[in-house]
C-alpha atoms as a PDB file:
ATOM      1  CA  UNK A   1      58.963-142.952 -89.744  1.00  0.00           C
ATOM      2  CA  UNK A   2      56.511-142.407 -92.213  1.00  0.00           C
ATOM      3  CA  UNK A   3      54.904-144.860 -95.435  1.00  0.00           C
ATOM      4  CA  UNK A   4      54.189-143.565 -98.585  1.00  0.00           C
ATOM      5  CA  UNK A   5      50.345-143.855 -98.867  1.00  0.00           C
ATOM      6  CA  UNK A   6      48.026-143.827-101.925  1.00  0.00           C
ATOM      7  CA  UNK A   7      46.169-140.547-102.404  1.00  0.00           C
ATOM      8  CA  UNK A   8      43.798-142.743-102.458  1.00  0.00           C
ATOM      9  CA  UNK A   9      44.232-143.834 -98.341  1.00  0.00           C
ATOM     10  CA  UNK A  10      45.100-140.772 -97.302  1.00  0.00           C
ATOM     11  CA  UNK A  11      41.601-139.960 -95.756  1.00  0.00           C
ATOM     12  CA  UNK A  12      40.816-143.184 -95.220  1.00  0.00           C
ATOM     13  CA  UNK A  13      40.137-143.963 -91.583  1.00  0.00           C
ATOM     14  CA  UNK A  14      41.913-146.800 -90.756  1.00  0.00           C
ATOM     15  CA  UNK A  15      44.731-145.466 -91.625  1.00  0.00           C
ATOM     16  CA  UNK A  16      44.266-142.146 -89.575  1.00  0.00           C
ATOM     17  CA  UNK A  17      43.375-144.637 -86.530  1.00  0.00           C
ATOM     18  CA  UNK A  18      46.825-146.623 -87.449  1.00  0.00           C
ATOM     19  CA  UNK A  19      48.161-142.438 -88.067  1.00  0.00           C
ATOM     20  CA  UNK A  20      46.855-141.760 -84.490  1.00  0.00           C
ATOM     21  CA  UNK A  21      48.007-144.802 -83.007  1.00  0.00           C
ATOM     22  CA  UNK A  22      51.982-145.022 -84.409  1.00  0.00           C
ATOM     23  CA  UNK A  23      51.337-141.147 -82.880  1.00  0.00           C
ATOM     24  CA  UNK A  24      50.787-142.070 -79.478  1.00  0.00           C
ATOM     25  CA  UNK A  25      52.748-145.111 -79.190  1.00  0.00           C
ATOM     26  CA  UNK A  26      55.571-142.706 -80.524  1.00  0.00           C
ATOM     27  CA  UNK A  27      54.509-139.884 -77.926  1.00  0.00           C
ATOM     28  CA  UNK A  28      54.662-143.203 -74.654  1.00  0.00           C
ATOM     29  CA  UNK A  29      57.512-144.452 -76.682  1.00  0.00           C
ATOM     30  CA  UNK A  30      59.789-140.590 -75.677  1.00  0.00           C
ATOM     31  CA  UNK A  31      58.120-140.079 -72.472  1.00  0.00           C
ATOM     32  CA  UNK A  32      60.662-141.755 -70.491  1.00  0.00           C
ATOM     33  CA  UNK A  33      58.711-140.030 -66.909  1.00  0.00           C
ATOM     34  CA  UNK A  34      55.705-139.041 -67.362  1.00  0.00           C
ATOM     35  CA  UNK A  35      55.705-136.937 -63.851  1.00  0.00           C
ATOM     36  CA  UNK A  36      58.050-134.594 -65.685  1.00  0.00           C
ATOM     37  CA  UNK A  37      54.667-133.692 -67.927  1.00  0.00           C
ATOM     38  CA  UNK A  38      53.130-132.431 -65.113  1.00  0.00           C
ATOM     39  CA  UNK A  39      51.957-129.027 -64.271  1.00  0.00           C
ATOM     40  CA  UNK A  40      53.847-127.825 -67.415  1.00  0.00           C
ATOM     41  CA  UNK A  41      50.788-126.292 -69.637  1.00  0.00           C
ATOM     42  CA  UNK A  42      49.949-127.494 -72.618  1.00  0.00           C
ATOM     43  CA  UNK A  43      50.320-124.678 -74.847  1.00  0.00           C
ATOM     44  CA  UNK A  44      51.613-120.866 -73.976  1.00  0.00           C
ATOM     45  CA  UNK A  45      49.460-119.550 -76.385  1.00  0.00           C
ATOM     46  CA  UNK A  46      46.625-121.146 -74.688  1.00  0.00           C
ATOM     47  CA  UNK A  47      47.764-119.289 -71.418  1.00  0.00           C
ATOM     48  CA  UNK A  48      48.060-116.070 -72.274  1.00  0.00           C
ATOM     49  CA  UNK A  49      44.663-116.153 -73.891  1.00  0.00           C
ATOM     50  CA  UNK A  50      42.904-117.784 -70.596  1.00  0.00           C
ATOM     51  CA  UNK A  51      44.197-114.548 -69.337  1.00  0.00           C
ATOM     52  CA  UNK A  52      42.067-112.138 -71.747  1.00  0.00           C
ATOM     53  CA  UNK A  53      39.192-114.691 -72.595  1.00  0.00           C
ATOM     54  CA  UNK A  54      36.888-116.113 -70.312  1.00  0.00           C
ATOM     55  CA  UNK A  55      36.452-115.284 -66.916  1.00  0.00           C
ATOM     56  CA  UNK A  56      35.599-118.890 -65.959  1.00  0.00           C
ATOM     57  CA  UNK A  57      37.872-121.007 -68.379  1.00  0.00           C
ATOM     58  CA  UNK A  58      39.836-121.388 -65.392  1.00  0.00           C
ATOM     59  CA  UNK A  59      37.924-123.572 -63.421  1.00  0.00           C
ATOM     60  CA  UNK A  60      37.981-125.984 -66.663  1.00  0.00           C
ATOM     61  CA  UNK A  61      41.587-125.587 -67.781  1.00  0.00           C
ATOM     62  CA  UNK A  62      42.819-126.309 -63.974  1.00  0.00           C
ATOM     63  CA  UNK A  63      43.701-129.352 -64.565  1.00  0.00           C
ATOM     64  CA  UNK A  64      44.977-129.468 -68.306  1.00  0.00           C
ATOM     65  CA  UNK A  65      48.285-129.633 -67.869  1.00  0.00           C
ATOM     66  CA  UNK A  66      50.762-131.986 -70.239  1.00  0.00           C
ATOM     67  CA  UNK A  67      50.590-135.353 -67.922  1.00  0.00           C
ATOM     68  CA  UNK A  68      46.780-135.870 -68.405  1.00  0.00           C
ATOM     69  CA  UNK A  69      46.679-134.909 -71.935  1.00  0.00           C
ATOM     70  CA  UNK A  70      49.265-137.538 -72.109  1.00  0.00           C
ATOM     71  CA  UNK A  71      47.187-139.904 -69.885  1.00  0.00           C
ATOM     72  CA  UNK A  72      44.047-138.725 -72.024  1.00  0.00           C
ATOM     73  CA  UNK A  73      45.533-139.207 -75.613  1.00  0.00           C
ATOM     74  CA  UNK A  74      46.878-143.240 -74.575  1.00  0.00           C
ATOM     75  CA  UNK A  75      43.001-143.682 -72.982  1.00  0.00           C
ATOM     76  CA  UNK A  76      41.502-142.808 -76.027  1.00  0.00           C
ATOM     77  CA  UNK A  77      44.252-145.027 -78.134  1.00  0.00           C
ATOM     78  CA  UNK A  78      43.297-148.431 -75.702  1.00  0.00           C
ATOM     79  CA  UNK A  79      39.886-147.774 -76.660  1.00  0.00           C
ATOM     80  CA  UNK A  80      40.531-147.209 -80.361  1.00  0.00           C
ATOM     81  CA  UNK A  81      42.631-150.731 -79.997  1.00  0.00           C
ATOM     82  CA  UNK A  82      40.825-152.576 -78.449  1.00  0.00           C
ATOM     83  CA  UNK A  83      37.224-150.608 -78.866  1.00  0.00           C
ATOM     84  CA  UNK A  84      34.752-148.577 -77.279  1.00  0.00           C
ATOM     85  CA  UNK A  85      32.654-151.928 -75.824  1.00  0.00           C
ATOM     86  CA  UNK A  86      35.955-153.502 -73.939  1.00  0.00           C
ATOM     87  CA  UNK A  87      36.758-150.131 -71.952  1.00  0.00           C
ATOM     88  CA  UNK A  88      33.069-149.943 -70.455  1.00  0.00           C
ATOM     89  CA  UNK A  89      33.162-153.540 -69.479  1.00  0.00           C
ATOM     90  CA  UNK A  90      35.813-152.935 -67.347  1.00  0.00           C
ATOM     91  CA  UNK A  91      34.607-149.893 -66.009  1.00  0.00           C
ATOM     92  CA  UNK A  92      31.405-152.058 -65.248  1.00  0.00           C
ATOM     93  CA  UNK A  93      34.038-154.504 -63.035  1.00  0.00           C
ATOM     94  CA  UNK A  94      35.168-151.140 -61.476  1.00  0.00           C
ATOM     95  CA  UNK A  95      32.113-149.956 -60.941  1.00  0.00           C
ATOM     96  CA  UNK A  96      29.417-152.289 -60.332  1.00  0.00           C
ATOM     97  CA  UNK A  97      26.899-150.029 -58.403  1.00  0.00           C
ATOM     98  CA  UNK A  98      26.435-147.976 -61.519  1.00  0.00           C
ATOM     99  CA  UNK A  99      22.816-148.292 -63.503  1.00  0.00           C
ATOM    100  CA  UNK A 100      22.755-149.974 -67.254  1.00  0.00           C
ATOM    101  CA  UNK A 101      23.493-147.038 -69.712  1.00  0.00           C
ATOM    102  CA  UNK A 102      20.247-146.141 -71.885  1.00  0.00           C
ATOM    103  CA  UNK A 103      21.089-146.824 -75.468  1.00  0.00           C
ATOM    104  CA  UNK A 104      19.289-145.418 -78.077  1.00  0.00           C
ATOM    105  CA  UNK A 105      18.446-146.288 -81.804  1.00  0.00           C
ATOM    106  CA  UNK A 106      18.891-144.362 -85.022  1.00  0.00           C
ATOM    107  CA  UNK A 107      15.325-142.962 -85.819  1.00  0.00           C
ATOM    108  CA  UNK A 108      14.507-145.140 -88.852  1.00  0.00           C
ATOM    109  CA  UNK A 109      13.763-142.392 -91.097  1.00  0.00           C
ATOM    110  CA  UNK A 110      17.117-141.046 -91.327  1.00  0.00           C
ATOM    111  CA  UNK A 111      19.227-142.372 -94.445  1.00  0.00           C
ATOM    112  CA  UNK A 112      21.739-144.926 -92.980  1.00  0.00           C
ATOM    113  CA  UNK A 113      23.828-144.029 -95.435  1.00  0.00           C
ATOM    114  CA  UNK A 114      24.436-140.602 -94.576  1.00  0.00           C
ATOM    115  CA  UNK A 115      24.386-140.975 -90.871  1.00  0.00           C
ATOM    116  CA  UNK A 116      27.341-142.763 -91.244  1.00  0.00           C
ATOM    117  CA  UNK A 117      29.513-140.444 -93.569  1.00  0.00           C
ATOM    118  CA  UNK A 118      28.585-138.319 -91.432  1.00  0.00           C
ATOM    119  CA  UNK A 119      30.271-140.117 -87.907  1.00  0.00           C
ATOM    120  CA  UNK A 120      32.810-141.578 -90.218  1.00  0.00           C
ATOM    121  CA  UNK A 121      33.728-138.000 -91.189  1.00  0.00           C
ATOM    122  CA  UNK A 122      33.796-136.483 -87.435  1.00  0.00           C
ATOM    123  CA  UNK A 123      35.963-139.510 -86.341  1.00  0.00           C
ATOM    124  CA  UNK A 124      38.516-139.219 -89.531  1.00  0.00           C
ATOM    125  CA  UNK A 125      39.146-135.249 -88.279  1.00  0.00           C
ATOM    126  CA  UNK A 126      38.899-136.341 -84.547  1.00  0.00           C
ATOM    127  CA  UNK A 127      41.335-139.127 -85.017  1.00  0.00           C
ATOM    128  CA  UNK A 128      43.691-136.179 -87.241  1.00  0.00           C
ATOM    129  CA  UNK A 129      43.579-133.802 -84.559  1.00  0.00           C
ATOM    130  CA  UNK A 130      44.384-136.246 -81.759  1.00  0.00           C
ATOM    131  CA  UNK A 131      47.870-137.453 -84.030  1.00  0.00           C
ATOM    132  CA  UNK A 132      48.860-133.940 -84.308  1.00  0.00           C
ATOM    133  CA  UNK A 133      48.157-133.111 -80.687  1.00  0.00           C
ATOM    134  CA  UNK A 134      50.269-136.170 -79.751  1.00  0.00           C
ATOM    135  CA  UNK A 135      53.028-135.155 -81.726  1.00  0.00           C
ATOM    136  CA  UNK A 136      53.094-131.904 -80.530  1.00  0.00           C
ATOM    137  CA  UNK A 137      53.330-133.403 -77.087  1.00  0.00           C
ATOM    138  CA  UNK A 138      56.298-135.317 -78.039  1.00  0.00           C
ATOM    139  CA  UNK A 139      57.979-132.616 -79.200  1.00  0.00           C
ATOM    140  CA  UNK A 140      57.171-130.212 -76.915  1.00  0.00           C
ATOM    141  CA  UNK A 141      58.232-132.940 -73.852  1.00  0.00           C
ATOM    142  CA  UNK A 142      61.678-133.144 -75.764  1.00  0.00           C
ATOM    143  CA  UNK A 143      62.496-129.444 -75.747  1.00  0.00           C
ATOM    144  CA  UNK A 144      60.749-129.649 -71.785  1.00  0.00           C
ATOM    145  CA  UNK A 145      63.891-132.220 -71.384  1.00  0.00           C
ATOM    146  CA  UNK A 146      66.269-130.870 -73.840  1.00  0.00           C
ATOM    147  CA  UNK A 147      66.537-133.260 -76.460  1.00  0.00           C
ATOM    148  CA  UNK A 148      64.589-130.888 -79.183  1.00  0.00           C
ATOM    149  CA  UNK A 149      66.386-132.595 -82.153  1.00  0.00           C
ATOM    150  CA  UNK A 150      66.819-136.232 -81.277  1.00  0.00           C
ATOM    151  CA  UNK A 151      64.681-138.632 -83.432  1.00  0.00           C
ATOM    152  CA  UNK A 152      64.350-136.523 -85.947  1.00  0.00           C
END
């Protein structure tokens, strides 16, 4: 279900975050048996590129199946919804032996407004790509189990 958005809000970060969360929620509701996604490649075109491109890329992409991608998208959604700080707190509880991360402050000479615009633009682009990929994963799952026209 898509809501009509005013043109001024189409590129708003909040709108992009809501679209991403909605796409992942839709993916999560559609994928009833996530284990069916194991060993299913993300994209057939990517598989063909692996055979012709970088000889070491198979090591990087060895675990790149739809299940790992499904898990990654859900984890990113949790970070967007609950915040990165909360996710880091949960990781610290699991791993008490790790050292405290070093925090770096932005350079004082840099214009903070430009820095914010740069990061917002990057975040918006990443959220748009993740939204598209969550929608693609949902559609691929429907194709794999034979309900490709269902729910559209």
